């Protein structure tokens, strides 16, 4: 909580983002200047991307909740079809993950992997909006292949990092060597 309280902080954020959007739309060269009155850290592009990503994630989760509620039989937003709601959820979360990448300061390999994952979600959302035809089926298969590639890469990197962190034991490796080093040379089977 800030000195303004939670409600005041939301109002300041809304005002700051409104200034930024108006500045971007109308081509103001000093987009961040009005925002700095409300948020001194607003001059940082990472701050803006991080807050936009948070807004997009909240919207994506809300649309996912609506999707699950509609699937359970509730009459929430009856004018919107299920495929549109799922597409919006996927597009929003993919865009949010794409926006947050510059702020994360990752190595190029990790950045590429994360951008591939974000692009896959965006492509999946686009496929949800397409009519059923040969192209949409091929793109759907591409989405599956990209998810498999991403998860396989994550599993491979996880196994590789685990192997690198495991160090060989300095002591005896089996019970027979253990008994021999303790002074007893009995054969244990």
N, C-alpha and C. Protein backbone atom coordinates (compact mmCIF):
# COMPACT_ATOMS: atom_id res chain seq x y z
N UNK A 1 0.83 -1.18 0.00
CA UNK A 1 0.00 0.00 0.00
C UNK A 1 0.88 1.25 0.00
N UNK A 2 0.44 2.21 -0.69
CA UNK A 2 1.16 3.48 -0.73
C UNK A 2 0.54 4.45 0.25
N UNK A 3 1.09 5.65 0.31
CA UNK A 3 0.55 6.64 1.22
C UNK A 3 -0.85 7.08 0.82
N UNK A 4 -1.22 6.84 -0.43
CA UNK A 4 -2.55 7.22 -0.91
C UNK A 4 -3.59 6.13 -0.66
N UNK A 5 -3.17 4.97 -0.24
CA UNK A 5 -4.10 3.86 -0.07
C UNK A 5 -4.33 3.16 -1.39
N UNK A 6 -4.97 2.02 -1.34
CA UNK A 6 -5.19 1.21 -2.53
C UNK A 6 -6.07 1.92 -3.55
N UNK A 7 -7.15 2.55 -3.11
CA UNK A 7 -8.04 3.22 -4.04
C UNK A 7 -7.35 4.41 -4.71
N UNK A 8 -6.62 5.19 -3.94
CA UNK A 8 -5.88 6.32 -4.50
C UNK A 8 -4.82 5.88 -5.48
N UNK A 9 -4.18 4.76 -5.20
CA UNK A 9 -3.16 4.22 -6.09
C UNK A 9 -3.77 3.80 -7.43
N UNK A 10 -4.93 3.18 -7.39
CA UNK A 10 -5.60 2.79 -8.64
C UNK A 10 -5.98 4.02 -9.45
N UNK A 11 -6.47 5.05 -8.78
CA UNK A 11 -6.84 6.27 -9.48
C UNK A 11 -5.62 6.93 -10.11
N UNK A 12 -4.50 6.95 -9.37
CA UNK A 12 -3.28 7.54 -9.92
C UNK A 12 -2.80 6.73 -11.12
N UNK A 13 -2.87 5.40 -11.03
CA UNK A 13 -2.45 4.57 -12.15
C UNK A 13 -3.35 4.80 -13.36
N UNK A 14 -4.66 4.87 -13.13
CA UNK A 14 -5.58 5.12 -14.24
C UNK A 14 -5.32 6.46 -14.90
N UNK A 15 -5.09 7.48 -14.10
CA UNK A 15 -4.80 8.80 -14.65
C UNK A 15 -3.49 8.79 -15.42
N UNK A 16 -2.49 8.14 -14.86
CA UNK A 16 -1.18 8.08 -15.51
C UNK A 16 -1.27 7.34 -16.84
N UNK A 17 -1.97 6.22 -16.86
CA UNK A 17 -2.09 5.46 -18.11
C UNK A 17 -2.93 6.22 -19.13
N UNK A 18 -3.92 6.96 -18.68
CA UNK A 18 -4.71 7.78 -19.61
C UNK A 18 -3.83 8.83 -20.27
N UNK A 19 -2.98 9.50 -19.48
CA UNK A 19 -2.05 10.46 -20.05
C UNK A 19 -1.13 9.80 -21.08
N UNK A 20 -0.65 8.60 -20.75
CA UNK A 20 0.26 7.92 -21.66
C UNK A 20 -0.44 7.55 -22.96
N UNK A 21 -1.65 7.02 -22.88
CA UNK A 21 -2.38 6.61 -24.08
C UNK A 21 -2.71 7.82 -24.94
N UNK A 22 -3.16 8.91 -24.31
CA UNK A 22 -3.46 10.13 -25.07
C UNK A 22 -2.19 10.66 -25.72
N UNK A 23 -1.08 10.62 -25.00
CA UNK A 23 0.18 11.08 -25.56
C UNK A 23 0.65 10.24 -26.73
N UNK A 24 0.46 8.93 -26.63
CA UNK A 24 0.87 8.04 -27.73
C UNK A 24 -0.03 8.25 -28.94
N UNK A 25 -1.34 8.35 -28.71
CA UNK A 25 -2.29 8.51 -29.82
C UNK A 25 -2.05 9.82 -30.56
N UNK A 26 -1.81 10.90 -29.82
CA UNK A 26 -1.65 12.20 -30.45
C UNK A 26 -0.19 12.55 -30.75
N UNK A 27 0.70 11.60 -30.57
CA UNK A 27 2.09 11.78 -30.96
C UNK A 27 2.87 12.75 -30.10
N UNK A 28 2.56 12.84 -28.83
CA UNK A 28 3.29 13.74 -27.96
C UNK A 28 4.71 13.23 -27.76
N UNK A 29 5.67 14.12 -27.86
CA UNK A 29 7.06 13.71 -27.67
C UNK A 29 7.38 13.54 -26.19
N UNK A 30 6.56 14.09 -25.34
CA UNK A 30 6.81 13.97 -23.90
C UNK A 30 5.68 13.17 -23.25
N UNK A 31 5.50 11.96 -23.72
CA UNK A 31 4.43 11.10 -23.21
C UNK A 31 4.58 10.87 -21.71
N UNK A 32 5.82 10.70 -21.25
CA UNK A 32 6.02 10.28 -19.88
C UNK A 32 6.01 11.44 -18.90
N UNK A 33 6.12 12.69 -19.36
CA UNK A 33 6.21 13.83 -18.45
C UNK A 33 4.98 13.96 -17.54
N UNK A 34 3.74 13.94 -18.07
CA UNK A 34 2.59 14.05 -17.15
C UNK A 34 2.50 12.87 -16.18
N UNK A 35 2.93 11.69 -16.63
CA UNK A 35 2.86 10.52 -15.77
C UNK A 35 3.84 10.62 -14.61
N UNK A 36 4.96 11.30 -14.81
CA UNK A 36 5.97 11.38 -13.76
C UNK A 36 5.47 12.15 -12.54
N UNK A 37 4.45 13.00 -12.75
CA UNK A 37 3.86 13.67 -11.59
C UNK A 37 3.21 12.66 -10.66
N UNK A 38 2.59 11.64 -11.24
CA UNK A 38 1.87 10.64 -10.45
C UNK A 38 2.76 9.47 -10.04
N UNK A 39 3.63 9.07 -10.96
CA UNK A 39 4.53 7.95 -10.71
C UNK A 39 5.93 8.35 -11.17
N UNK A 40 6.84 8.61 -10.24
CA UNK A 40 8.19 9.01 -10.63
C UNK A 40 8.90 7.95 -11.48
N UNK A 41 8.56 6.69 -11.27
CA UNK A 41 9.21 5.61 -12.03
C UNK A 41 8.58 5.42 -13.41
N UNK A 42 7.62 6.25 -13.77
CA UNK A 42 6.88 6.07 -15.02
C UNK A 42 7.72 6.34 -16.25
N UNK A 43 8.84 7.01 -16.12
CA UNK A 43 9.70 7.26 -17.27
C UNK A 43 10.37 6.00 -17.78
N UNK A 44 10.30 4.96 -17.02
CA UNK A 44 10.91 3.70 -17.39
C UNK A 44 9.96 2.92 -18.29
N UNK A 45 10.43 2.55 -19.46
CA UNK A 45 9.59 1.79 -20.40
C UNK A 45 9.21 0.44 -19.81
N UNK A 46 10.12 -0.16 -19.05
CA UNK A 46 9.82 -1.45 -18.42
C UNK A 46 8.64 -1.34 -17.47
N UNK A 47 8.54 -0.21 -16.77
CA UNK A 47 7.41 0.02 -15.88
C UNK A 47 6.10 -0.01 -16.66
N UNK A 48 6.08 0.68 -17.79
CA UNK A 48 4.88 0.74 -18.62
C UNK A 48 4.53 -0.65 -19.17
N UNK A 49 5.53 -1.37 -19.68
CA UNK A 49 5.28 -2.70 -20.23
C UNK A 49 4.80 -3.66 -19.15
N UNK A 50 5.40 -3.57 -17.98
CA UNK A 50 5.00 -4.46 -16.88
C UNK A 50 3.54 -4.19 -16.48
N UNK A 51 3.16 -2.92 -16.37
CA UNK A 51 1.78 -2.60 -15.99
C UNK A 51 0.78 -2.96 -17.09
N UNK A 52 1.16 -2.77 -18.34
CA UNK A 52 0.27 -3.20 -19.44
C UNK A 52 0.11 -4.71 -19.42
N UNK A 53 1.20 -5.44 -19.14
CA UNK A 53 1.12 -6.90 -19.07
C UNK A 53 0.20 -7.33 -17.93
N UNK A 54 0.26 -6.65 -16.81
CA UNK A 54 -0.61 -6.99 -15.68
C UNK A 54 -2.07 -6.79 -16.06
N UNK A 55 -2.36 -5.68 -16.72
CA UNK A 55 -3.74 -5.41 -17.15
C UNK A 55 -4.22 -6.48 -18.12
N UNK A 56 -3.37 -6.85 -19.08
CA UNK A 56 -3.74 -7.88 -20.06
C UNK A 56 -3.93 -9.24 -19.40
N UNK A 57 -3.10 -9.57 -18.42
CA UNK A 57 -3.25 -10.86 -17.72
C UNK A 57 -4.55 -10.89 -16.94
N UNK A 58 -4.88 -9.79 -16.26
CA UNK A 58 -6.15 -9.74 -15.51
C UNK A 58 -7.33 -9.92 -16.46
N UNK A 59 -7.28 -9.25 -17.61
CA UNK A 59 -8.36 -9.42 -18.60
C UNK A 59 -8.41 -10.85 -19.13
N UNK A 60 -7.26 -11.45 -19.39
CA UNK A 60 -7.22 -12.82 -19.91
C UNK A 60 -7.81 -13.80 -18.89
N UNK A 61 -7.46 -13.62 -17.62
CA UNK A 61 -8.01 -14.49 -16.58
C UNK A 61 -9.52 -14.27 -16.45
N UNK A 62 -9.96 -13.02 -16.56
CA UNK A 62 -11.40 -12.74 -16.49
C UNK A 62 -12.14 -13.41 -17.64
N UNK A 63 -11.59 -13.32 -18.86
CA UNK A 63 -12.23 -13.97 -20.00
C UNK A 63 -12.20 -15.49 -19.84
N UNK A 64 -11.15 -16.03 -19.26
CA UNK A 64 -11.11 -17.48 -19.01
C UNK A 64 -12.18 -17.89 -18.00
N UNK A 65 -12.38 -17.05 -16.99
CA UNK A 65 -13.45 -17.33 -16.02
C UNK A 65 -14.82 -17.30 -16.68
N UNK A 66 -15.03 -16.32 -17.57
CA UNK A 66 -16.29 -16.25 -18.31
C UNK A 66 -16.45 -17.50 -19.17
N UNK A 67 -15.38 -17.94 -19.80
CA UNK A 67 -15.42 -19.14 -20.63
C UNK A 67 -15.83 -20.37 -19.82
N UNK A 68 -15.23 -20.53 -18.64
CA UNK A 68 -15.58 -21.67 -17.80
C UNK A 68 -17.02 -21.56 -17.28
N UNK A 69 -17.44 -20.35 -16.95
CA UNK A 69 -18.82 -20.16 -16.47
C UNK A 69 -19.82 -20.48 -17.57
N UNK A 70 -19.54 -20.02 -18.80
CA UNK A 70 -20.44 -20.34 -19.92
C UNK A 70 -20.46 -21.83 -20.19
N UNK A 71 -19.31 -22.47 -20.05
CA UNK A 71 -19.23 -23.91 -20.27
C UNK A 71 -20.02 -24.68 -19.21
N UNK A 72 -20.12 -24.09 -18.02
CA UNK A 72 -20.89 -24.71 -16.93
C UNK A 72 -22.39 -24.44 -17.05
N UNK A 73 -22.78 -23.64 -18.05
CA UNK A 73 -24.20 -23.40 -18.28
C UNK A 73 -24.71 -22.05 -17.81
N UNK A 74 -23.85 -21.22 -17.27
CA UNK A 74 -24.28 -19.89 -16.83
C UNK A 74 -24.47 -18.98 -18.04
N UNK A 75 -25.40 -18.07 -17.93
CA UNK A 75 -25.69 -17.14 -19.02
C UNK A 75 -24.92 -15.83 -18.82
N UNK A 76 -23.63 -15.89 -19.02
CA UNK A 76 -22.78 -14.70 -18.92
C UNK A 76 -22.38 -14.30 -20.34
N UNK A 77 -22.61 -13.08 -20.68
CA UNK A 77 -22.32 -12.56 -22.02
C UNK A 77 -22.85 -13.50 -23.11
N UNK A 78 -24.16 -13.68 -23.17
CA UNK A 78 -24.73 -14.65 -24.11
C UNK A 78 -24.48 -14.28 -25.59
N UNK A 79 -24.21 -13.01 -25.87
CA UNK A 79 -24.00 -12.61 -27.26
C UNK A 79 -22.62 -13.01 -27.79
N UNK A 80 -21.69 -13.36 -26.88
CA UNK A 80 -20.35 -13.75 -27.32
C UNK A 80 -20.22 -15.26 -27.42
N UNK A 81 -19.81 -15.77 -28.58
CA UNK A 81 -19.63 -17.22 -28.72
C UNK A 81 -18.38 -17.69 -27.97
N UNK A 82 -18.37 -18.97 -27.64
CA UNK A 82 -17.26 -19.55 -26.87
C UNK A 82 -15.93 -19.39 -27.57
N UNK A 83 -15.90 -19.62 -28.89
CA UNK A 83 -14.61 -19.55 -29.59
C UNK A 83 -14.03 -18.14 -29.56
N UNK A 84 -14.87 -17.13 -29.53
CA UNK A 84 -14.39 -15.75 -29.45
C UNK A 84 -13.80 -15.47 -28.07
N UNK A 85 -14.46 -15.94 -27.03
CA UNK A 85 -13.96 -15.72 -25.67
C UNK A 85 -12.63 -16.44 -25.46
N UNK A 86 -12.53 -17.68 -25.94
CA UNK A 86 -11.26 -18.41 -25.79
C UNK A 86 -10.16 -17.76 -26.61
N UNK A 87 -10.50 -17.26 -27.79
CA UNK A 87 -9.49 -16.59 -28.62
C UNK A 87 -8.98 -15.33 -27.95
N UNK A 88 -9.89 -14.54 -27.37
CA UNK A 88 -9.48 -13.31 -26.69
C UNK A 88 -8.58 -13.64 -25.50
N UNK A 89 -8.93 -14.68 -24.74
CA UNK A 89 -8.09 -15.09 -23.61
C UNK A 89 -6.69 -15.44 -24.06
N UNK A 90 -6.59 -16.23 -25.12
CA UNK A 90 -5.28 -16.65 -25.62
C UNK A 90 -4.48 -15.48 -26.18
N UNK A 91 -5.14 -14.61 -26.91
CA UNK A 91 -4.45 -13.45 -27.48
C UNK A 91 -3.95 -12.51 -26.38
N UNK A 92 -4.77 -12.27 -25.38
CA UNK A 92 -4.38 -11.36 -24.31
C UNK A 92 -3.21 -11.90 -23.50
N UNK A 93 -3.26 -13.17 -23.14
CA UNK A 93 -2.17 -13.72 -22.33
C UNK A 93 -0.89 -13.84 -23.16
N UNK A 94 -1.01 -14.16 -24.44
CA UNK A 94 0.17 -14.21 -25.30
C UNK A 94 0.80 -12.85 -25.47
N UNK A 95 -0.02 -11.83 -25.66
CA UNK A 95 0.48 -10.47 -25.81
C UNK A 95 1.11 -9.99 -24.50
N UNK A 96 0.49 -10.32 -23.37
CA UNK A 96 1.04 -9.93 -22.07
C UNK A 96 2.42 -10.55 -21.87
N UNK A 97 2.56 -11.83 -22.20
CA UNK A 97 3.84 -12.50 -22.02
C UNK A 97 4.89 -11.95 -22.98
N UNK A 98 4.46 -11.56 -24.15
CA UNK A 98 5.37 -10.94 -25.12
C UNK A 98 5.83 -9.57 -24.63
N UNK A 99 4.91 -8.79 -24.06
CA UNK A 99 5.25 -7.45 -23.58
C UNK A 99 6.21 -7.46 -22.40
N UNK A 100 6.13 -8.47 -21.55
CA UNK A 100 6.94 -8.48 -20.34
C UNK A 100 8.38 -8.93 -20.60
N UNK A 101 8.65 -9.49 -21.76
CA UNK A 101 9.99 -10.04 -22.04
C UNK A 101 11.12 -9.01 -21.93
N UNK A 102 10.98 -7.80 -22.47
CA UNK A 102 12.10 -6.85 -22.33
C UNK A 102 12.42 -6.50 -20.87
N UNK A 103 11.41 -6.50 -20.02
CA UNK A 103 11.62 -6.14 -18.62
C UNK A 103 12.28 -7.26 -17.83
N UNK A 104 12.29 -8.48 -18.36
CA UNK A 104 12.82 -9.62 -17.62
C UNK A 104 14.34 -9.71 -17.69
N UNK A 105 14.97 -9.11 -18.68
CA UNK A 105 16.42 -9.14 -18.80
C UNK A 105 16.99 -10.54 -18.95
N UNK A 106 16.46 -11.30 -19.87
CA UNK A 106 16.88 -12.68 -20.06
C UNK A 106 18.05 -12.80 -21.04
N UNK A 107 18.70 -13.96 -20.98
CA UNK A 107 19.72 -14.27 -21.98
C UNK A 107 19.03 -14.55 -23.30
N UNK A 108 19.75 -14.40 -24.42
CA UNK A 108 19.10 -14.55 -25.74
C UNK A 108 18.39 -15.88 -25.93
N UNK A 109 18.95 -16.98 -25.46
CA UNK A 109 18.31 -18.29 -25.64
C UNK A 109 16.99 -18.36 -24.89
N UNK A 110 16.96 -17.87 -23.66
CA UNK A 110 15.73 -17.88 -22.87
C UNK A 110 14.71 -16.91 -23.46
N UNK A 111 15.19 -15.76 -23.95
CA UNK A 111 14.30 -14.79 -24.56
C UNK A 111 13.63 -15.38 -25.80
N UNK A 112 14.41 -16.07 -26.61
CA UNK A 112 13.86 -16.71 -27.82
C UNK A 112 12.82 -17.76 -27.45
N UNK A 113 13.11 -18.57 -26.43
CA UNK A 113 12.17 -19.59 -25.99
C UNK A 113 10.87 -18.96 -25.49
N UNK A 114 10.98 -17.90 -24.70
CA UNK A 114 9.78 -17.24 -24.18
C UNK A 114 8.98 -16.54 -25.28
N UNK A 115 9.69 -15.96 -26.24
CA UNK A 115 8.98 -15.31 -27.35
C UNK A 115 8.29 -16.35 -28.23
N UNK A 116 8.90 -17.53 -28.36
CA UNK A 116 8.25 -18.62 -29.10
C UNK A 116 6.97 -19.05 -28.39
N UNK A 117 7.02 -19.15 -27.07
CA UNK A 117 5.83 -19.54 -26.31
C UNK A 117 4.73 -18.48 -26.43
N UNK A 118 5.10 -17.21 -26.31
CA UNK A 118 4.11 -16.13 -26.44
C UNK A 118 3.51 -16.13 -27.84
N UNK A 119 4.34 -16.30 -28.85
CA UNK A 119 3.86 -16.34 -30.24
C UNK A 119 2.94 -17.53 -30.48
N UNK A 120 3.22 -18.63 -29.82
CA UNK A 120 2.37 -19.81 -29.96
C UNK A 120 0.98 -19.54 -29.40
N UNK A 121 0.91 -18.88 -28.25
CA UNK A 121 -0.40 -18.54 -27.69
C UNK A 121 -1.15 -17.58 -28.62
N UNK A 122 -0.43 -16.61 -29.17
CA UNK A 122 -1.07 -15.66 -30.08
C UNK A 122 -1.57 -16.37 -31.33
N UNK A 123 -0.76 -17.26 -31.88
CA UNK A 123 -1.18 -18.03 -33.06
C UNK A 123 -2.38 -18.91 -32.73
N UNK A 124 -2.40 -19.50 -31.55
CA UNK A 124 -3.53 -20.33 -31.13
C UNK A 124 -4.79 -19.48 -31.06
N UNK A 125 -4.69 -18.26 -30.55
CA UNK A 125 -5.84 -17.37 -30.51
C UNK A 125 -6.33 -17.01 -31.90
N UNK A 126 -5.40 -16.79 -32.82
CA UNK A 126 -5.77 -16.49 -34.21
C UNK A 126 -6.48 -17.67 -34.84
N UNK A 127 -5.99 -18.88 -34.57
CA UNK A 127 -6.62 -20.09 -35.12
C UNK A 127 -8.03 -20.24 -34.59
N UNK A 128 -8.26 -19.86 -33.33
CA UNK A 128 -9.61 -19.94 -32.76
C UNK A 128 -10.59 -19.04 -33.50
N UNK A 129 -10.10 -17.94 -34.06
CA UNK A 129 -10.96 -16.99 -34.77
C UNK A 129 -11.21 -17.37 -36.22
N UNK A 130 -10.39 -18.27 -36.76
CA UNK A 130 -10.51 -18.63 -38.18
C UNK A 130 -11.65 -19.62 -38.40
N UNK A 131 -12.26 -19.57 -39.58
CA UNK A 131 -13.26 -20.59 -39.91
C UNK A 131 -12.56 -21.94 -40.11
N UNK A 132 -13.31 -23.01 -39.91
CA UNK A 132 -12.74 -24.35 -40.08
C UNK A 132 -12.46 -24.61 -41.56
N UNK A 133 -11.18 -24.70 -41.89
CA UNK A 133 -10.77 -25.04 -43.24
C UNK A 133 -9.40 -25.69 -43.17
N UNK A 134 -8.82 -25.95 -44.32
CA UNK A 134 -7.53 -26.65 -44.36
C UNK A 134 -6.44 -25.81 -43.70
N UNK A 135 -6.44 -24.51 -43.96
CA UNK A 135 -5.43 -23.64 -43.38
C UNK A 135 -5.51 -23.62 -41.86
N UNK A 136 -6.73 -23.51 -41.32
CA UNK A 136 -6.87 -23.48 -39.86
C UNK A 136 -6.44 -24.80 -39.23
N UNK A 137 -6.71 -25.92 -39.90
CA UNK A 137 -6.27 -27.22 -39.37
C UNK A 137 -4.75 -27.33 -39.40
N UNK A 138 -4.12 -26.83 -40.45
CA UNK A 138 -2.65 -26.87 -40.52
C UNK A 138 -2.02 -25.96 -39.47
N UNK A 139 -2.60 -24.78 -39.30
CA UNK A 139 -2.09 -23.88 -38.26
C UNK A 139 -2.31 -24.46 -36.87
N UNK A 140 -3.42 -25.16 -36.68
CA UNK A 140 -3.67 -25.82 -35.40
C UNK A 140 -2.61 -26.89 -35.14
N UNK A 141 -2.26 -27.63 -36.18
CA UNK A 141 -1.20 -28.63 -36.04
C UNK A 141 0.14 -27.97 -35.75
N UNK A 142 0.38 -26.81 -36.36
CA UNK A 142 1.60 -26.05 -36.08
C UNK A 142 1.64 -25.61 -34.62
N UNK A 143 0.50 -25.17 -34.10
CA UNK A 143 0.43 -24.77 -32.70
C UNK A 143 0.79 -25.94 -31.79
N UNK A 144 0.24 -27.11 -32.09
CA UNK A 144 0.56 -28.30 -31.29
C UNK A 144 2.05 -28.59 -31.35
N UNK A 145 2.62 -28.54 -32.56
CA UNK A 145 4.05 -28.81 -32.72
C UNK A 145 4.90 -27.77 -31.95
N UNK A 146 4.49 -26.52 -31.97
CA UNK A 146 5.23 -25.49 -31.25
C UNK A 146 5.15 -25.69 -29.74
N UNK A 147 3.98 -26.09 -29.24
CA UNK A 147 3.86 -26.37 -27.81
C UNK A 147 4.73 -27.57 -27.42
N UNK A 148 4.74 -28.60 -28.25
CA UNK A 148 5.57 -29.77 -27.98
C UNK A 148 7.05 -29.37 -28.00
N UNK A 149 7.43 -28.57 -28.98
CA UNK A 149 8.82 -28.11 -29.08
C UNK A 149 9.21 -27.30 -27.85
N UNK A 150 8.33 -26.42 -27.42
CA UNK A 150 8.63 -25.60 -26.25
C UNK A 150 8.76 -26.44 -24.99
N UNK A 151 7.84 -27.37 -24.79
CA UNK A 151 7.90 -28.21 -23.60
C UNK A 151 9.08 -29.16 -23.65
N UNK A 152 9.39 -29.69 -24.83
CA UNK A 152 10.57 -30.56 -24.98
C UNK A 152 11.84 -29.78 -24.67
N UNK A 153 11.91 -28.53 -25.14
CA UNK A 153 13.07 -27.71 -24.83
C UNK A 153 13.19 -27.43 -23.34
N UNK A 154 12.08 -27.16 -22.69
CA UNK A 154 12.10 -26.92 -21.25
C UNK A 154 12.51 -28.17 -20.49
N UNK A 155 12.01 -29.33 -20.92
CA UNK A 155 12.39 -30.60 -20.28
C UNK A 155 13.87 -30.89 -20.50
N UNK A 156 14.35 -30.64 -21.71
CA UNK A 156 15.76 -30.88 -22.02
C UNK A 156 16.65 -29.97 -21.19
N UNK A 157 16.31 -28.71 -21.10
CA UNK A 157 17.09 -27.78 -20.30
C UNK A 157 17.02 -28.13 -18.82
N UNK A 158 15.86 -28.61 -18.36
CA UNK A 158 15.72 -29.02 -16.97
C UNK A 158 16.57 -30.22 -16.64
N UNK A 159 16.60 -31.21 -17.53
CA UNK A 159 17.42 -32.40 -17.32
C UNK A 159 18.89 -32.02 -17.36
N UNK A 160 19.24 -31.17 -18.31
CA UNK A 160 20.64 -30.75 -18.45
C UNK A 160 21.13 -29.98 -17.23
N UNK A 161 20.32 -29.07 -16.72
CA UNK A 161 20.74 -28.30 -15.55
C UNK A 161 20.80 -29.18 -14.31
N UNK A 162 19.93 -30.20 -14.22
CA UNK A 162 19.95 -31.13 -13.10
C UNK A 162 21.22 -31.96 -13.14
N UNK A 163 21.61 -32.42 -14.32
CA UNK A 163 22.83 -33.21 -14.45
C UNK A 163 24.06 -32.40 -14.10
N UNK A 164 24.07 -31.13 -14.46
CA UNK A 164 25.21 -30.27 -14.15
C UNK A 164 25.31 -29.97 -12.67
N UNK A 165 24.18 -29.94 -11.99
CA UNK A 165 24.19 -29.60 -10.56
C UNK A 165 24.52 -30.81 -9.69
N UNK A 166 24.33 -32.03 -10.22
CA UNK A 166 24.64 -33.23 -9.46
C UNK A 166 26.13 -33.48 -9.54
N UNK A 167 26.78 -33.57 -8.38
CA UNK A 167 28.22 -33.81 -8.36
C UNK A 167 28.47 -35.25 -7.94
N UNK A 168 29.51 -35.87 -8.49
CA UNK A 168 29.80 -37.25 -8.10
C UNK A 168 30.16 -37.34 -6.63
N UNK A 169 29.76 -38.45 -6.01
CA UNK A 169 30.04 -38.66 -4.60
C UNK A 169 31.52 -38.95 -4.42
N UNK A 170 32.10 -38.45 -3.36
CA UNK A 170 33.51 -38.66 -3.09
C UNK A 170 33.74 -39.99 -2.38
N UNK A 171 32.77 -40.51 -1.69
CA UNK A 171 32.91 -41.73 -0.91
C UNK A 171 32.74 -42.98 -1.76
N UNK A 172 32.71 -44.14 -1.11
CA UNK A 172 32.53 -45.40 -1.83
C UNK A 172 31.18 -45.44 -2.53
N UNK A 173 31.13 -46.16 -3.66
CA UNK A 173 29.92 -46.19 -4.46
C UNK A 173 29.04 -47.40 -4.17
N UNK A 174 29.54 -48.44 -3.55
CA UNK A 174 28.68 -49.58 -3.22
C UNK A 174 29.03 -50.12 -1.85
N UNK A 175 28.25 -51.09 -1.39
CA UNK A 175 28.44 -51.62 -0.03
C UNK A 175 29.76 -52.36 0.10
N UNK A 176 30.22 -53.03 -0.96
CA UNK A 176 31.47 -53.79 -0.89
C UNK A 176 32.65 -52.85 -0.66
N UNK A 177 32.71 -51.75 -1.40
CA UNK A 177 33.78 -50.79 -1.20
C UNK A 177 33.70 -50.17 0.18
N UNK A 178 32.50 -50.00 0.69
CA UNK A 178 32.31 -49.42 2.00
C UNK A 178 32.89 -50.32 3.07
N UNK A 179 32.65 -51.59 2.95
CA UNK A 179 33.16 -52.55 3.95
C UNK A 179 34.68 -52.65 3.85
N UNK A 180 35.24 -52.60 2.64
CA UNK A 180 36.68 -52.70 2.46
C UNK A 180 37.38 -51.49 3.06
N UNK A 181 36.81 -50.34 2.93
CA UNK A 181 37.46 -49.14 3.45
C UNK A 181 37.33 -49.04 4.96
N UNK A 182 36.38 -49.75 5.57
CA UNK A 182 36.23 -49.67 7.02
C UNK A 182 37.14 -50.65 7.73
N UNK A 183 37.94 -51.40 7.02
CA UNK A 183 38.88 -52.30 7.65
C UNK A 183 38.46 -53.74 7.58
N UNK A 184 37.23 -54.03 7.30
CA UNK A 184 36.75 -55.40 7.16
C UNK A 184 36.70 -55.75 5.69
N UNK A 185 37.28 -56.81 5.32
CA UNK A 185 37.26 -57.20 3.92
C UNK A 185 36.40 -58.43 3.73
N UNK A 186 35.17 -58.34 4.14
CA UNK A 186 34.23 -59.44 3.94
C UNK A 186 33.51 -59.24 2.64
N UNK A 187 33.16 -60.30 2.00
CA UNK A 187 32.45 -60.25 0.74
C UNK A 187 30.96 -60.17 1.02
N UNK A 188 30.35 -59.08 0.58
CA UNK A 188 28.93 -58.89 0.78
C UNK A 188 28.26 -58.99 -0.59
N UNK A 189 27.26 -59.89 -0.68
CA UNK A 189 26.58 -60.03 -1.95
C UNK A 189 25.22 -59.44 -1.89
